Amino acid sequence: MVSGTPGRVYDMIQQRYLDLRKIKMFILDEADEMLKKGPKDEKGFRDQVHEIFRFLPYQTQTVIVSATLPQEILEMSKKFMTNPIKILVKRD
């Protein structure tokens, strides 16, 4: 298991300190915040997450957790998830 911000995880991959070949599960917590687009001149978390997905094995299970998931994030998740299952909890 690896825990870190997308920027730090991506940096560790680039420096070859982190080998993702045996990663079985990738968990992205606070997805609504992590997947927001950054300013034009700055790579946002969304860009870093996309870069990390390029290195994950195809069979890696992806879990997205968030208190809120805007429709835009749900649509974008289809790009890197295979047959996703959505578990949405509604308040009474």
PDB file of N, CA and C in Angstrom:
ATOM      1  N   MET A   1       0.848  -1.168   0.000  1.00  0.00           N
ATOM      2  CA  MET A   1       0.000   0.000   0.000  1.00  0.00           C
ATOM      3  C   MET A   1       0.896   1.234   0.000  1.00  0.00           C
ATOM      4  N   VAL A   2       0.486   2.201  -0.768  1.00  0.00           N
ATOM      5  CA  VAL A   2       1.204   3.465  -0.841  1.00  0.00           C
ATOM      6  C   VAL A   2       0.226   4.583  -0.519  1.00  0.00           C
ATOM      7  N   SER A   3       0.641   5.518   0.319  1.00  0.00           N
ATOM      8  CA  SER A   3      -0.186   6.655   0.656  1.00  0.00           C
ATOM      9  C   SER A   3       0.621   7.921   0.428  1.00  0.00           C
ATOM     10  N   GLY A   4       0.026   8.877  -0.267  1.00  0.00           N
ATOM     11  CA  GLY A   4       0.708  10.137  -0.514  1.00  0.00           C
ATOM     12  C   GLY A   4      -0.119  11.016  -1.413  1.00  0.00           C
ATOM     13  N   THR A   5       0.275  12.266  -1.509  1.00  0.00           N
ATOM     14  CA  THR A   5      -0.419  13.168  -2.423  1.00  0.00           C
ATOM     15  C   THR A   5      -0.082  12.753  -3.850  1.00  0.00           C
ATOM     16  N   PRO A   6      -0.950  13.085  -4.814  1.00  0.00           N
ATOM     17  CA  PRO A   6      -0.636  12.736  -6.197  1.00  0.00           C
ATOM     18  C   PRO A   6       0.720  13.273  -6.645  1.00  0.00           C
ATOM     19  N   GLY A   7       1.062  14.479  -6.237  1.00  0.00           N
ATOM     20  CA  GLY A   7       2.344  15.052  -6.638  1.00  0.00           C
ATOM     21  C   GLY A   7       3.520  14.265  -6.107  1.00  0.00           C
ATOM     22  N   ARG A   8       3.446  13.876  -4.838  1.00  0.00           N
ATOM     23  CA  ARG A   8       4.542  13.115  -4.228  1.00  0.00           C
ATOM     24  C   ARG A   8       4.633  11.716  -4.818  1.00  0.00           C
ATOM     25  N   VAL A   9       3.499  11.058  -5.009  1.00  0.00           N
ATOM     26  CA  VAL A   9       3.502   9.715  -5.600  1.00  0.00           C
ATOM     27  C   VAL A   9       4.076   9.777  -7.015  1.00  0.00           C
ATOM     28  N   TYR A  10       3.645  10.746  -7.794  1.00  0.00           N
ATOM     29  CA  TYR A  10       4.151  10.877  -9.162  1.00  0.00           C
ATOM     30  C   TYR A  10       5.659  11.142  -9.164  1.00  0.00           C
ATOM     31  N   ASP A  11       6.114  11.991  -8.251  1.00  0.00           N
ATOM     32  CA  ASP A  11       7.543  12.282  -8.136  1.00  0.00           C
ATOM     33  C   ASP A  11       8.330  11.014  -7.802  1.00  0.00           C
ATOM     34  N   MET A  12       7.799  10.203  -6.890  1.00  0.00           N
ATOM     35  CA  MET A  12       8.485   8.957  -6.520  1.00  0.00           C
ATOM     36  C   MET A  12       8.528   7.974  -7.690  1.00  0.00           C
ATOM     37  N   ILE A  13       7.489   7.975  -8.512  1.00  0.00           N
ATOM     38  CA  ILE A  13       7.485   7.116  -9.708  1.00  0.00           C
ATOM     39  C   ILE A  13       8.566   7.600 -10.677  1.00  0.00           C
ATOM     40  N   GLN A  14       8.596   8.897 -10.917  1.00  0.00           N
ATOM     41  CA  GLN A  14       9.568   9.475 -11.847  1.00  0.00           C
ATOM     42  C   GLN A  14      11.004   9.213 -11.413  1.00  0.00           C
ATOM     43  N   GLN A  15      11.255   9.248 -10.110  1.00  0.00           N
ATOM     44  CA  GLN A  15      12.602   9.024  -9.593  1.00  0.00           C
ATOM     45  C   GLN A  15      12.904   7.540  -9.405  1.00  0.00           C
ATOM     46  N   ARG A  16      11.960   6.692  -9.786  1.00  0.00           N
ATOM     47  CA  ARG A  16      12.092   5.233  -9.702  1.00  0.00           C
ATOM     48  C   ARG A  16      12.261   4.721  -8.276  1.00  0.00           C
ATOM     49  N   TYR A  17      11.677   5.447  -7.305  1.00  0.00           N
ATOM     50  CA  TYR A  17      11.649   4.986  -5.919  1.00  0.00           C
ATOM     51  C   TYR A  17      10.427   4.124  -5.659  1.00  0.00           C
ATOM     52  N   LEU A  18       9.462   4.210  -6.524  1.00  0.00           N
ATOM     53  CA  LEU A  18       8.197   3.512  -6.349  1.00  0.00           C
ATOM     54  C   LEU A  18       7.913   2.681  -7.587  1.00  0.00           C
ATOM     55  N   ASP A  19       7.768   1.391  -7.390  1.00  0.00           N
ATOM     56  CA  ASP A  19       7.473   0.462  -8.480  1.00  0.00           C
ATOM     57  C   ASP A  19       6.010   0.044  -8.366  1.00  0.00           C
ATOM     58  N   LEU A  20       5.218   0.403  -9.336  1.00  0.00           N
ATOM     59  CA  LEU A  20       3.778   0.151  -9.280  1.00  0.00           C
ATOM     60  C   LEU A  20       3.355  -1.181  -9.895  1.00  0.00           C
ATOM     61  N   ARG A  21       4.288  -1.979 -10.361  1.00  0.00           N
ATOM     62  CA  ARG A  21       3.923  -3.216 -11.059  1.00  0.00           C
ATOM     63  C   ARG A  21       3.112  -4.184 -10.203  1.00  0.00           C
ATOM     64  N   LYS A  22       3.296  -4.139  -8.906  1.00  0.00           N
ATOM     65  CA  LYS A  22       2.588  -5.090  -8.041  1.00  0.00           C
ATOM     66  C   LYS A  22       1.456  -4.438  -7.244  1.00  0.00           C
ATOM     67  N   ILE A  23       1.135  -3.203  -7.556  1.00  0.00           N
ATOM     68  CA  ILE A  23       0.034  -2.525  -6.881  1.00  0.00           C
ATOM     69  C   ILE A  23      -1.272  -3.196  -7.309  1.00  0.00           C
ATOM     70  N   LYS A  24      -2.077  -3.599  -6.350  1.00  0.00           N
ATOM     71  CA  LYS A  24      -3.342  -4.259  -6.651  1.00  0.00           C
ATOM     72  C   LYS A  24      -4.527  -3.308  -6.530  1.00  0.00           C
ATOM     73  N   MET A  25      -4.382  -2.270  -5.688  1.00  0.00           N
ATOM     74  CA  MET A  25      -5.489  -1.352  -5.474  1.00  0.00           C
ATOM     75  C   MET A  25      -4.952   0.067  -5.341  1.00  0.00           C
ATOM     76  N   PHE A  26      -5.624   0.998  -6.022  1.00  0.00           N
ATOM     77  CA  PHE A  26      -5.275   2.416  -5.955  1.00  0.00           C
ATOM     78  C   PHE A  26      -6.484   3.139  -5.388  1.00  0.00           C
ATOM     79  N   ILE A  27      -6.320   3.781  -4.243  1.00  0.00           N
ATOM     80  CA  ILE A  27      -7.430   4.466  -3.582  1.00  0.00           C
ATOM     81  C   ILE A  27      -7.200   5.961  -3.648  1.00  0.00           C
ATOM     82  N   LEU A  28      -8.173   6.656  -4.178  1.00  0.00           N
ATOM     83  CA  LEU A  28      -8.107   8.112  -4.293  1.00  0.00           C
ATOM     84  C   LEU A  28      -9.164   8.701  -3.379  1.00  0.00           C
ATOM     85  N   ASP A  29      -8.717   9.216  -2.226  1.00  0.00           N
ATOM     86  CA  ASP A  29      -9.633   9.806  -1.249  1.00  0.00           C
ATOM     87  C   ASP A  29      -9.808  11.282  -1.543  1.00  0.00           C
ATOM     88  N   GLU A  30     -10.923  11.843  -1.126  1.00  0.00           N
ATOM     89  CA  GLU A  30     -11.242  13.252  -1.391  1.00  0.00           C
ATOM     90  C   GLU A  30     -11.143  13.541  -2.895  1.00  0.00           C
ATOM     91  N   ALA A  31     -11.729  12.663  -3.676  1.00  0.00           N
ATOM     92  CA  ALA A  31     -11.608  12.738  -5.131  1.00  0.00           C
ATOM     93  C   ALA A  31     -12.106  14.057  -5.702  1.00  0.00           C
ATOM     94  N   ASP A  32     -13.146  14.629  -5.121  1.00  0.00           N
ATOM     95  CA  ASP A  32     -13.655  15.887  -5.659  1.00  0.00           C
ATOM     96  C   ASP A  32     -12.596  16.976  -5.576  1.00  0.00           C
ATOM     97  N   GLU A  33     -11.786  16.973  -4.533  1.00  0.00           N
ATOM     98  CA  GLU A  33     -10.713  17.960  -4.399  1.00  0.00           C
ATOM     99  C   GLU A  33      -9.509  17.591  -5.269  1.00  0.00           C
ATOM    100  N   MET A  34      -9.154  16.329  -5.273  1.00  0.00           N
ATOM    101  CA  MET A  34      -7.965  15.879  -6.000  1.00  0.00           C
ATOM    102  C   MET A  34      -8.105  16.039  -7.511  1.00  0.00           C
ATOM    103  N   LEU A  35      -9.333  15.931  -7.997  1.00  0.00           N
ATOM    104  CA  LEU A  35      -9.512  15.927  -9.441  1.00  0.00           C
ATOM    105  C   LEU A  35      -9.900  17.288 -10.016  1.00  0.00           C
ATOM    106  N   LYS A  36      -9.842  18.327  -9.199  1.00  0.00           N
ATOM    107  CA  LYS A  36     -10.084  19.669  -9.716  1.00  0.00           C
ATOM    108  C   LYS A  36      -8.917  20.090 -10.594  1.00  0.00           C
ATOM    109  N   LYS A  37      -9.223  20.858 -11.594  1.00  0.00           N
ATOM    110  CA  LYS A  37      -8.204  21.360 -12.507  1.00  0.00           C
ATOM    111  C   LYS A  37      -7.453  22.503 -11.851  1.00  0.00           C
ATOM    112  N   GLY A  38      -6.132  22.524 -11.989  1.00  0.00           N
ATOM    113  CA  GLY A  38      -5.307  23.597 -11.426  1.00  0.00           C
ATOM    114  C   GLY A  38      -5.256  24.787 -12.357  1.00  0.00           C
ATOM    115  N   PRO A  39      -4.595  25.881 -11.933  1.00  0.00           N
ATOM    116  CA  PRO A  39      -4.433  27.053 -12.800  1.00  0.00           C
ATOM    117  C   PRO A  39      -3.696  26.673 -14.085  1.00  0.00           C
ATOM    118  N   LYS A  40      -3.821  27.487 -15.117  1.00  0.00           N
ATOM    119  CA  LYS A  40      -3.242  27.177 -16.423  1.00  0.00           C
ATOM    120  C   LYS A  40      -1.770  26.795 -16.366  1.00  0.00           C
ATOM    121  N   ASP A  41      -0.978  27.534 -15.620  1.00  0.00           N
ATOM    122  CA  ASP A  41       0.460  27.302 -15.613  1.00  0.00           C
ATOM    123  C   ASP A  41       0.908  26.271 -14.587  1.00  0.00           C
ATOM    124  N   GLU A  42      -0.022  25.708 -13.857  1.00  0.00           N
ATOM    125  CA  GLU A  42       0.333  24.784 -12.786  1.00  0.00           C
ATOM    126  C   GLU A  42      -0.387  23.468 -13.003  1.00  0.00           C
ATOM    127  N   LYS A  43       0.340  22.363 -12.850  1.00  0.00           N
ATOM    128  CA  LYS A  43      -0.309  21.061 -12.940  1.00  0.00           C
ATOM    129  C   LYS A  43      -1.177  20.859 -11.722  1.00  0.00           C
ATOM    130  N   GLY A  44      -2.451  20.619 -11.936  1.00  0.00           N
ATOM    131  CA  GLY A  44      -3.361  20.349 -10.834  1.00  0.00           C
ATOM    132  C   GLY A  44      -3.299  18.884 -10.455  1.00  0.00           C
ATOM    133  N   PHE A  45      -3.982  18.544  -9.366  1.00  0.00           N
ATOM    134  CA  PHE A  45      -4.026  17.152  -8.938  1.00  0.00           C
ATOM    135  C   PHE A  45      -4.585  16.265 -10.036  1.00  0.00           C
ATOM    136  N   ARG A  46      -5.549  16.781 -10.788  1.00  0.00           N
ATOM    137  CA  ARG A  46      -6.164  15.990 -11.859  1.00  0.00           C
ATOM    138  C   ARG A  46      -5.113  15.516 -12.860  1.00  0.00           C
ATOM    139  N   ASP A  47      -4.242  16.425 -13.271  1.00  0.00           N
ATOM    140  CA  ASP A  47      -3.187  16.064 -14.225  1.00  0.00           C
ATOM    141  C   ASP A  47      -2.232  15.037 -13.622  1.00  0.00           C
ATOM    142  N   GLN A  48      -1.901  15.206 -12.358  1.00  0.00           N
ATOM    143  CA  GLN A  48      -0.992  14.275 -11.697  1.00  0.00           C
ATOM    144  C   GLN A  48      -1.633  12.894 -11.563  1.00  0.00           C
ATOM    145  N   VAL A  49      -2.914  12.856 -11.246  1.00  0.00           N
ATOM    146  CA  VAL A  49      -3.616  11.577 -11.138  1.00  0.00           C
ATOM    147  C   VAL A  49      -3.622  10.871 -12.495  1.00  0.00           C
ATOM    148  N   HIS A  50      -3.887  11.619 -13.558  1.00  0.00           N
ATOM    149  CA  HIS A  50      -3.853  11.025 -14.904  1.00  0.00           C
ATOM    150  C   HIS A  50      -2.479  10.438 -15.204  1.00  0.00           C
ATOM    151  N   GLU A  51      -1.433  11.143 -14.822  1.00  0.00           N
ATOM    152  CA  GLU A  51      -0.073  10.646 -15.056  1.00  0.00           C
ATOM    153  C   GLU A  51       0.185   9.363 -14.270  1.00  0.00           C
ATOM    154  N   ILE A  52      -0.280   9.309 -13.022  1.00  0.00           N
ATOM    155  CA  ILE A  52      -0.096   8.106 -12.206  1.00  0.00           C
ATOM    156  C   ILE A  52      -0.803   6.924 -12.854  1.00  0.00           C
ATOM    157  N   PHE A  53      -2.020   7.143 -13.368  1.00  0.00           N
ATOM    158  CA  PHE A  53      -2.765   6.053 -14.004  1.00  0.00           C
ATOM    159  C   PHE A  53      -2.035   5.477 -15.210  1.00  0.00           C
ATOM    160  N   ARG A  54      -1.228   6.261 -15.849  1.00  0.00           N
ATOM    161  CA  ARG A  54      -0.442   5.752 -16.986  1.00  0.00           C
ATOM    162  C   ARG A  54       0.516   4.648 -16.550  1.00  0.00           C
ATOM    163  N   PHE A  55       0.941   4.663 -15.289  1.00  0.00           N
ATOM    164  CA  PHE A  55       1.927   3.704 -14.793  1.00  0.00           C
ATOM    165  C   PHE A  55       1.308   2.513 -14.071  1.00  0.00           C
ATOM    166  N   LEU A  56       0.030   2.595 -13.723  1.00  0.00           N
ATOM    167  CA  LEU A  56      -0.607   1.496 -12.997  1.00  0.00           C
ATOM    168  C   LEU A  56      -0.887   0.327 -13.928  1.00  0.00           C
ATOM    169  N   PRO A  57      -0.698  -0.899 -13.447  1.00  0.00           N
ATOM    170  CA  PRO A  57      -1.073  -2.058 -14.260  1.00  0.00           C
ATOM    171  C   PRO A  57      -2.561  -2.017 -14.588  1.00  0.00           C
ATOM    172  N   TYR A  58      -2.932  -2.551 -15.725  1.00  0.00           N
ATOM    173  CA  TYR A  58      -4.315  -2.525 -16.192  1.00  0.00           C
ATOM    174  C   TYR A  58      -5.277  -3.132 -15.174  1.00  0.00           C
ATOM    175  N   GLN A  59      -4.853  -4.209 -14.510  1.00  0.00           N
ATOM    176  CA  GLN A  59      -5.743  -4.929 -13.594  1.00  0.00           C
ATOM    177  C   GLN A  59      -5.849  -4.286 -12.211  1.00  0.00           C
ATOM    178  N   THR A  60      -5.205  -3.167 -11.986  1.00  0.00           N
ATOM    179  CA  THR A  60      -5.277  -2.495 -10.693  1.00  0.00           C
ATOM    180  C   THR A  60      -6.704  -2.036 -10.419  1.00  0.00           C
ATOM    181  N   GLN A  61      -7.217  -2.372  -9.238  1.00  0.00           N
ATOM    182  CA  GLN A  61      -8.550  -1.930  -8.842  1.00  0.00           C
ATOM    183  C   GLN A  61      -8.454  -0.484  -8.366  1.00  0.00           C
ATOM    184  N   THR A  62      -9.360   0.347  -8.827  1.00  0.00           N
ATOM    185  CA  THR A  62      -9.381   1.756  -8.458  1.00  0.00           C
ATOM    186  C   THR A  62     -10.598   2.039  -7.597  1.00  0.00           C
ATOM    187  N   VAL A  63     -10.364   2.733  -6.491  1.00  0.00           N
ATOM    188  CA  VAL A  63     -11.442   3.118  -5.583  1.00  0.00           C
ATOM    189  C   VAL A  63     -11.419   4.635  -5.462  1.00  0.00           C
ATOM    190  N   ILE A  64     -12.566   5.261  -5.681  1.00  0.00           N
ATOM    191  CA  ILE A  64     -12.693   6.711  -5.546  1.00  0.00           C
ATOM    192  C   ILE A  64     -13.636   6.971  -4.380  1.00  0.00           C
ATOM    193  N   VAL A  65     -13.166   7.738  -3.399  1.00  0.00           N
ATOM    194  CA  VAL A  65     -13.947   8.024  -2.202  1.00  0.00           C
ATOM    195  C   VAL A  65     -14.079   9.527  -2.055  1.00  0.00           C
ATOM    196  N   SER A  66     -15.292   9.974  -1.769  1.00  0.00           N
ATOM    197  CA  SER A  66     -15.509  11.401  -1.571  1.00  0.00           C
ATOM    198  C   SER A  66     -16.877  11.629  -0.948  1.00  0.00           C
ATOM    199  N   ALA A  67     -16.986  12.691  -0.166  1.00  0.00           N
ATOM    200  CA  ALA A  67     -18.289  13.051   0.400  1.00  0.00           C
ATOM    201  C   ALA A  67     -19.217  13.563  -0.697  1.00  0.00           C
ATOM    202  N   THR A  68     -18.650  14.209  -1.700  1.00  0.00           N
ATOM    203  CA  THR A  68     -19.422  14.692  -2.848  1.00  0.00           C
ATOM    204  C   THR A  68     -18.689  14.310  -4.120  1.00  0.00           C
ATOM    205  N   LEU A  69     -19.433  13.869  -5.108  1.00  0.00           N
ATOM    206  CA  LEU A  69     -18.847  13.549  -6.407  1.00  0.00           C
ATOM    207  C   LEU A  69     -19.687  14.221  -7.487  1.00  0.00           C
ATOM    208  N   PRO A  70     -19.249  15.376  -7.952  1.00  0.00           N
ATOM    209  CA  PRO A  70     -19.982  16.046  -9.020  1.00  0.00           C
ATOM    210  C   PRO A  70     -20.044  15.165 -10.279  1.00  0.00           C
ATOM    211  N   GLN A  71     -21.052  15.383 -11.095  1.00  0.00           N
ATOM    212  CA  GLN A  71     -21.227  14.588 -12.311  1.00  0.00           C
ATOM    213  C   GLN A  71     -19.980  14.619 -13.191  1.00  0.00           C
ATOM    214  N   GLU A  72     -19.296  15.757 -13.236  1.00  0.00           N
ATOM    215  CA  GLU A  72     -18.071  15.879 -14.042  1.00  0.00           C
ATOM    216  C   GLU A  72     -17.014  14.857 -13.603  1.00  0.00           C
ATOM    217  N   ILE A  73     -16.880  14.658 -12.307  1.00  0.00           N
ATOM    218  CA  ILE A  73     -15.899  13.706 -11.784  1.00  0.00           C
ATOM    219  C   ILE A  73     -16.332  12.276 -12.110  1.00  0.00           C
ATOM    220  N   LEU A  74     -17.618  11.984 -11.976  1.00  0.00           N
ATOM    221  CA  LEU A  74     -18.114  10.651 -12.333  1.00  0.00           C
ATOM    222  C   LEU A  74     -17.854  10.353 -13.811  1.00  0.00           C
ATOM    223  N   GLU A  75     -18.083  11.334 -14.669  1.00  0.00           N
ATOM    224  CA  GLU A  75     -17.828  11.153 -16.101  1.00  0.00           C
ATOM    225  C   GLU A  75     -16.343  10.941 -16.381  1.00  0.00           C
ATOM    226  N   MET A  76     -15.495  11.738 -15.723  1.00  0.00           N
ATOM    227  CA  MET A  76     -14.061  11.618 -15.947  1.00  0.00           C
ATOM    228  C   MET A  76     -13.529  10.270 -15.458  1.00  0.00           C
ATOM    229  N   SER A  77     -14.119   9.741 -14.390  1.00  0.00           N
ATOM    230  CA  SER A  77     -13.639   8.468 -13.840  1.00  0.00           C
ATOM    231  C   SER A  77     -13.801   7.325 -14.842  1.00  0.00           C
ATOM    232  N   LYS A  78     -14.727   7.455 -15.768  1.00  0.00           N
ATOM    233  CA  LYS A  78     -14.923   6.414 -16.781  1.00  0.00           C
ATOM    234  C   LYS A  78     -13.690   6.239 -17.662  1.00  0.00           C
ATOM    235  N   LYS A  79     -12.854   7.264 -17.733  1.00  0.00           N
ATOM    236  CA  LYS A  79     -11.652   7.185 -18.557  1.00  0.00           C
ATOM    237  C   LYS A  79     -10.619   6.219 -17.996  1.00  0.00           C
ATOM    238  N   PHE A  80     -10.618   6.014 -16.672  1.00  0.00           N
ATOM    239  CA  PHE A  80      -9.584   5.157 -16.097  1.00  0.00           C
ATOM    240  C   PHE A  80     -10.134   4.031 -15.230  1.00  0.00           C
ATOM    241  N   MET A  81     -11.430   3.775 -15.329  1.00  0.00           N
ATOM    242  CA  MET A  81     -12.025   2.673 -14.579  1.00  0.00           C
ATOM    243  C   MET A  81     -12.739   1.731 -15.547  1.00  0.00           C
ATOM    244  N   THR A  82     -12.599   0.429 -15.293  1.00  0.00           N
ATOM    245  CA  THR A  82     -13.249  -0.582 -16.110  1.00  0.00           C
ATOM    246  C   THR A  82     -14.431  -1.145 -15.344  1.00  0.00           C
ATOM    247  N   ASN A  83     -15.611  -1.099 -15.930  1.00  0.00           N
ATOM    248  CA  ASN A  83     -16.830  -1.598 -15.302  1.00  0.00           C
ATOM    249  C   ASN A  83     -16.986  -1.091 -13.858  1.00  0.00           C
ATOM    250  N   PRO A  84     -17.004   0.218 -13.678  1.00  0.00           N
ATOM    251  CA  PRO A  84     -17.095   0.742 -12.308  1.00  0.00           C
ATOM    252  C   PRO A  84     -18.436   0.427 -11.654  1.00  0.00           C
ATOM    253  N   ILE A  85     -18.376   0.254 -10.358  1.00  0.00           N
ATOM    254  CA  ILE A  85     -19.569   0.077  -9.543  1.00  0.00           C
ATOM    255  C   ILE A  85     -19.658   1.303  -8.659  1.00  0.00           C
ATOM    256  N   LYS A  86     -20.804   1.978  -8.697  1.00  0.00           N
ATOM    257  CA  LYS A  86     -20.995   3.186  -7.899  1.00  0.00           C
ATOM    258  C   LYS A  86     -21.819   2.840  -6.669  1.00  0.00           C
ATOM    259  N   ILE A  87     -21.313   3.243  -5.526  1.00  0.00           N
ATOM    260  CA  ILE A  87     -22.052   3.107  -4.284  1.00  0.00           C
ATOM    261  C   ILE A  87     -22.281   4.510  -3.772  1.00  0.00           C
ATOM    262  N   LEU A  88     -23.506   4.994  -3.920  1.00  0.00           N
ATOM    263  CA  LEU A  88     -23.841   6.335  -3.522  1.00  0.00           C
ATOM    264  C   LEU A  88     -24.727   6.287  -2.294  1.00  0.00           C
ATOM    265  N   VAL A  89     -24.349   7.011  -1.279  1.00  0.00           N
ATOM    266  CA  VAL A  89     -25.111   7.055  -0.041  1.00  0.00           C
ATOM    267  C   VAL A  89     -25.849   8.374   0.012  1.00  0.00           C
ATOM    268  N   LYS A  90     -27.170   8.296   0.152  1.00  0.00           N
ATOM    269  CA  LYS A  90     -27.984   9.512   0.224  1.00  0.00           C
ATOM    270  C   LYS A  90     -28.389   9.765   1.661  1.00  0.00           C
ATOM    271  N   ARG A  91     -28.450  11.043   1.994  1.00  0.00           N
ATOM    272  CA  ARG A  91     -28.918  11.425   3.327  1.00  0.00           C
ATOM    273  C   ARG A  91     -30.444  11.390   3.348  1.00  0.00           C
ATOM    274  N   ASP A  92     -30.984  11.107   4.498  1.00  0.00           N
ATOM    275  CA  ASP A  92     -32.447  11.119   4.643  1.00  0.00           C
ATOM    276  C   ASP A  92     -32.949  12.516   4.841  1.00  0.00           C
TER     277      ASP A  92
END
